[in-house]
Amino acid sequence: VIFYDSDWNPTVDQQAMDRAHRLGQTKQVTVYRLICKGTIEERILQRAREKSEIQRMVISGGNFKPDTLKPKEVVSLLLDDEEIEAK
């Protein structure tokens, strides 16, 4: 599987990876994610990782360490880049 265009929603990419690991798949599956440093793709991947961490914490019923995700990081997920720079 090769990702050359990541989605803002991490579950979309996860679903694509899961499709490759379908029932009956007998061969090893390798996933590649192509990202150029300093591009919007790098920012999308960072946001997707943060969103995945929030999803994991919510699903686990809040059993997480307080330093896992700082309040400022949560707020940054809700704002766009211009709003973050204005603060």
N, C-alpha and C. Protein backbone atom coordinates (compact mmCIF):
# COMPACT_ATOMS: atom_id res chain seq x y z
N VAL A 1 0.86 -1.16 0.00
CA VAL A 1 0.00 0.00 0.00
C VAL A 1 0.90 1.22 0.00
N ILE A 2 0.63 2.17 -0.87
CA ILE A 2 1.40 3.41 -0.92
C ILE A 2 0.45 4.58 -0.74
N PHE A 3 0.70 5.36 0.29
CA PHE A 3 -0.07 6.58 0.51
C PHE A 3 0.75 7.75 -0.03
N TYR A 4 0.24 8.41 -1.03
CA TYR A 4 0.90 9.60 -1.54
C TYR A 4 0.07 10.84 -1.26
N ASP A 5 -1.15 10.64 -0.70
CA ASP A 5 -2.04 11.74 -0.36
C ASP A 5 -2.78 11.35 0.91
N SER A 6 -2.38 11.89 2.04
CA SER A 6 -3.00 11.54 3.31
C SER A 6 -4.30 12.31 3.51
N ASP A 7 -5.17 11.73 4.32
CA ASP A 7 -6.45 12.35 4.63
C ASP A 7 -6.36 13.03 5.98
N TRP A 8 -7.13 14.12 6.17
CA TRP A 8 -7.17 14.79 7.47
C TRP A 8 -7.77 13.89 8.53
N ASN A 9 -8.61 12.95 8.08
CA ASN A 9 -9.25 12.01 9.00
C ASN A 9 -8.41 10.73 9.03
N PRO A 10 -7.76 10.44 10.14
CA PRO A 10 -6.87 9.27 10.19
C PRO A 10 -7.59 7.94 10.00
N THR A 11 -8.88 7.88 10.27
CA THR A 11 -9.60 6.62 10.11
C THR A 11 -9.75 6.24 8.64
N VAL A 12 -9.71 7.22 7.75
CA VAL A 12 -9.79 6.92 6.31
C VAL A 12 -8.54 6.17 5.87
N ASP A 13 -7.37 6.65 6.29
CA ASP A 13 -6.12 5.95 5.95
C ASP A 13 -6.07 4.58 6.62
N GLN A 14 -6.52 4.51 7.85
CA GLN A 14 -6.52 3.23 8.57
C GLN A 14 -7.40 2.21 7.85
N GLN A 15 -8.56 2.67 7.38
CA GLN A 15 -9.47 1.77 6.66
C GLN A 15 -8.81 1.26 5.38
N ALA A 16 -8.08 2.12 4.69
CA ALA A 16 -7.39 1.69 3.47
C ALA A 16 -6.34 0.63 3.78
N MET A 17 -5.61 0.82 4.88
CA MET A 17 -4.62 -0.19 5.29
C MET A 17 -5.31 -1.50 5.67
N ASP A 18 -6.43 -1.40 6.37
CA ASP A 18 -7.15 -2.60 6.79
C ASP A 18 -7.67 -3.39 5.59
N ARG A 19 -8.05 -2.70 4.52
CA ARG A 19 -8.52 -3.39 3.32
C ARG A 19 -7.43 -4.28 2.73
N ALA A 20 -6.19 -3.85 2.82
CA ALA A 20 -5.08 -4.64 2.30
C ALA A 20 -4.85 -5.89 3.14
N HIS A 21 -5.23 -5.84 4.40
CA HIS A 21 -5.09 -6.98 5.31
C HIS A 21 -6.38 -7.80 5.38
N ARG A 22 -7.07 -7.89 4.27
CA ARG A 22 -8.37 -8.57 4.24
C ARG A 22 -8.24 -10.06 4.52
N LEU A 23 -9.39 -10.67 4.80
CA LEU A 23 -9.42 -12.12 5.00
C LEU A 23 -8.93 -12.81 3.74
N GLY A 24 -8.16 -13.82 3.91
CA GLY A 24 -7.63 -14.57 2.77
C GLY A 24 -6.30 -14.04 2.27
N GLN A 25 -5.86 -12.92 2.76
CA GLN A 25 -4.56 -12.36 2.35
C GLN A 25 -3.45 -13.23 2.94
N THR A 26 -2.66 -13.82 2.07
CA THR A 26 -1.62 -14.73 2.53
C THR A 26 -0.22 -14.10 2.45
N LYS A 27 -0.10 -13.01 1.71
CA LYS A 27 1.20 -12.37 1.56
C LYS A 27 1.36 -11.21 2.55
N GLN A 28 2.60 -10.92 2.88
CA GLN A 28 2.89 -9.80 3.78
C GLN A 28 2.51 -8.49 3.10
N VAL A 29 1.93 -7.58 3.86
CA VAL A 29 1.54 -6.27 3.35
C VAL A 29 2.49 -5.23 3.92
N THR A 30 3.03 -4.40 3.06
CA THR A 30 3.90 -3.31 3.48
C THR A 30 3.22 -1.99 3.14
N VAL A 31 3.25 -1.06 4.07
CA VAL A 31 2.61 0.24 3.86
C VAL A 31 3.69 1.31 3.79
N TYR A 32 3.65 2.12 2.73
CA TYR A 32 4.56 3.25 2.56
C TYR A 32 3.75 4.53 2.58
N ARG A 33 4.28 5.56 3.21
CA ARG A 33 3.63 6.87 3.23
C ARG A 33 4.65 7.87 2.70
N LEU A 34 4.36 8.47 1.54
CA LEU A 34 5.28 9.41 0.91
C LEU A 34 4.96 10.83 1.37
N ILE A 35 5.94 11.47 2.00
CA ILE A 35 5.75 12.82 2.52
C ILE A 35 7.03 13.62 2.28
N CYS A 36 6.89 14.82 1.77
CA CYS A 36 8.03 15.71 1.60
C CYS A 36 8.12 16.64 2.80
N LYS A 37 9.30 16.80 3.32
CA LYS A 37 9.51 17.65 4.49
C LYS A 37 9.15 19.11 4.18
N GLY A 38 8.46 19.73 5.14
CA GLY A 38 8.10 21.14 4.99
C GLY A 38 6.88 21.40 4.12
N THR A 39 6.09 20.37 3.84
CA THR A 39 4.89 20.54 3.02
C THR A 39 3.64 20.38 3.86
N ILE A 40 2.50 20.67 3.25
CA ILE A 40 1.22 20.51 3.94
C ILE A 40 1.00 19.04 4.32
N GLU A 41 1.54 18.13 3.54
CA GLU A 41 1.39 16.71 3.86
C GLU A 41 2.00 16.38 5.22
N GLU A 42 3.10 17.01 5.54
CA GLU A 42 3.73 16.80 6.84
C GLU A 42 2.80 17.28 7.96
N ARG A 43 2.17 18.42 7.74
CA ARG A 43 1.22 18.97 8.73
C ARG A 43 -0.01 18.08 8.86
N ILE A 44 -0.52 17.59 7.74
CA ILE A 44 -1.68 16.70 7.76
C ILE A 44 -1.36 15.45 8.57
N LEU A 45 -0.20 14.87 8.34
CA LEU A 45 0.19 13.66 9.07
C LEU A 45 0.29 13.94 10.57
N GLN A 46 0.86 15.08 10.95
CA GLN A 46 0.96 15.43 12.37
C GLN A 46 -0.43 15.56 12.99
N ARG A 47 -1.33 16.25 12.30
CA ARG A 47 -2.70 16.41 12.81
C ARG A 47 -3.40 15.05 12.90
N ALA A 48 -3.20 14.21 11.91
CA ALA A 48 -3.84 12.89 11.93
C ALA A 48 -3.34 12.07 13.11
N ARG A 49 -2.06 12.15 13.41
CA ARG A 49 -1.52 11.42 14.57
C ARG A 49 -2.13 11.94 15.87
N GLU A 50 -2.28 13.26 15.97
CA GLU A 50 -2.88 13.86 17.17
C GLU A 50 -4.34 13.42 17.31
N LYS A 51 -5.07 13.43 16.19
CA LYS A 51 -6.47 13.00 16.22
C LYS A 51 -6.58 11.53 16.61
N SER A 52 -5.67 10.70 16.10
CA SER A 52 -5.69 9.28 16.46
C SER A 52 -5.47 9.09 17.95
N GLU A 53 -4.59 9.90 18.52
CA GLU A 53 -4.31 9.81 19.95
C GLU A 53 -5.55 10.21 20.76
N ILE A 54 -6.24 11.24 20.32
CA ILE A 54 -7.48 11.65 21.00
C ILE A 54 -8.52 10.55 20.89
N GLN A 55 -8.67 9.96 19.71
CA GLN A 55 -9.63 8.86 19.54
C GLN A 55 -9.29 7.71 20.48
N ARG A 56 -8.01 7.38 20.58
CA ARG A 56 -7.59 6.29 21.45
C ARG A 56 -7.95 6.60 22.90
N MET A 57 -7.73 7.83 23.33
CA MET A 57 -8.03 8.21 24.70
C MET A 57 -9.53 8.15 24.98
N VAL A 58 -10.33 8.61 24.03
CA VAL A 58 -11.79 8.59 24.21
C VAL A 58 -12.29 7.15 24.28
N ILE A 59 -11.83 6.32 23.38
CA ILE A 59 -12.27 4.93 23.34
C ILE A 59 -11.83 4.17 24.58
N SER A 60 -10.65 4.52 25.12
CA SER A 60 -10.17 3.81 26.31
C SER A 60 -10.83 4.33 27.58
N GLY A 61 -11.82 5.19 27.45
CA GLY A 61 -12.56 5.67 28.61
C GLY A 61 -11.81 6.69 29.43
N GLY A 62 -10.88 7.39 28.81
CA GLY A 62 -10.15 8.43 29.52
C GLY A 62 -8.98 7.93 30.34
N ASN A 63 -8.62 6.67 30.20
CA ASN A 63 -7.47 6.13 30.94
C ASN A 63 -6.18 6.53 30.24
N PHE A 64 -5.73 7.73 30.53
CA PHE A 64 -4.50 8.22 29.91
C PHE A 64 -3.75 9.10 30.90
N LYS A 65 -2.48 9.28 30.61
CA LYS A 65 -1.64 10.12 31.46
C LYS A 65 -1.93 11.59 31.13
N PRO A 66 -1.94 12.45 32.14
CA PRO A 66 -2.23 13.87 31.90
C PRO A 66 -1.27 14.54 30.93
N ASP A 67 -0.05 14.05 30.83
CA ASP A 67 0.92 14.69 29.94
C ASP A 67 0.89 14.13 28.52
N THR A 68 -0.06 13.25 28.23
CA THR A 68 -0.14 12.66 26.90
C THR A 68 -0.41 13.72 25.84
N LEU A 69 -1.40 14.56 26.08
CA LEU A 69 -1.76 15.61 25.14
C LEU A 69 -2.05 16.86 25.94
N LYS A 70 -1.27 17.88 25.71
CA LYS A 70 -1.41 19.12 26.48
C LYS A 70 -2.61 19.93 25.97
N PRO A 71 -3.25 20.72 26.84
CA PRO A 71 -4.42 21.52 26.42
C PRO A 71 -4.15 22.38 25.19
N LYS A 72 -2.96 22.96 25.10
CA LYS A 72 -2.61 23.78 23.94
C LYS A 72 -2.63 22.96 22.65
N GLU A 73 -2.21 21.70 22.73
CA GLU A 73 -2.22 20.83 21.56
C GLU A 73 -3.64 20.49 21.14
N VAL A 74 -4.53 20.28 22.11
CA VAL A 74 -5.93 20.00 21.79
C VAL A 74 -6.55 21.20 21.11
N VAL A 75 -6.28 22.40 21.62
CA VAL A 75 -6.82 23.62 21.02
C VAL A 75 -6.31 23.78 19.59
N SER A 76 -5.05 23.44 19.34
CA SER A 76 -4.49 23.58 17.99
C SER A 76 -5.19 22.67 16.98
N LEU A 77 -5.78 21.58 17.45
CA LEU A 77 -6.53 20.70 16.55
C LEU A 77 -7.82 21.36 16.09
N LEU A 78 -8.33 22.28 16.90
CA LEU A 78 -9.60 22.92 16.59
C LEU A 78 -9.45 24.20 15.78
N LEU A 79 -8.25 24.72 15.68
CA LEU A 79 -8.00 25.97 14.98
C LEU A 79 -7.29 25.70 13.66
N ASP A 80 -7.47 26.62 12.70
CA ASP A 80 -6.68 26.48 11.48
C ASP A 80 -5.36 27.23 11.67
N ASP A 81 -4.48 27.14 10.69
CA ASP A 81 -3.13 27.68 10.83
C ASP A 81 -3.11 29.18 11.10
N GLU A 82 -4.00 29.94 10.43
CA GLU A 82 -4.02 31.39 10.62
C GLU A 82 -4.41 31.76 12.05
N GLU A 83 -5.37 31.03 12.61
CA GLU A 83 -5.80 31.31 13.98
C GLU A 83 -4.69 30.98 14.98
N ILE A 84 -3.94 29.93 14.71
CA ILE A 84 -2.84 29.55 15.60
C ILE A 84 -1.75 30.61 15.57
N GLU A 85 -1.41 31.10 14.36
CA GLU A 85 -0.36 32.10 14.21
C GLU A 85 -0.76 33.43 14.84
N ALA A 86 -2.07 33.74 14.87
CA ALA A 86 -2.55 35.01 15.42
C ALA A 86 -2.44 35.04 16.94
N LYS A 87 -2.36 33.88 17.57
CA LYS A 87 -2.29 33.83 19.04
C LYS A 87 -0.92 34.08 19.56
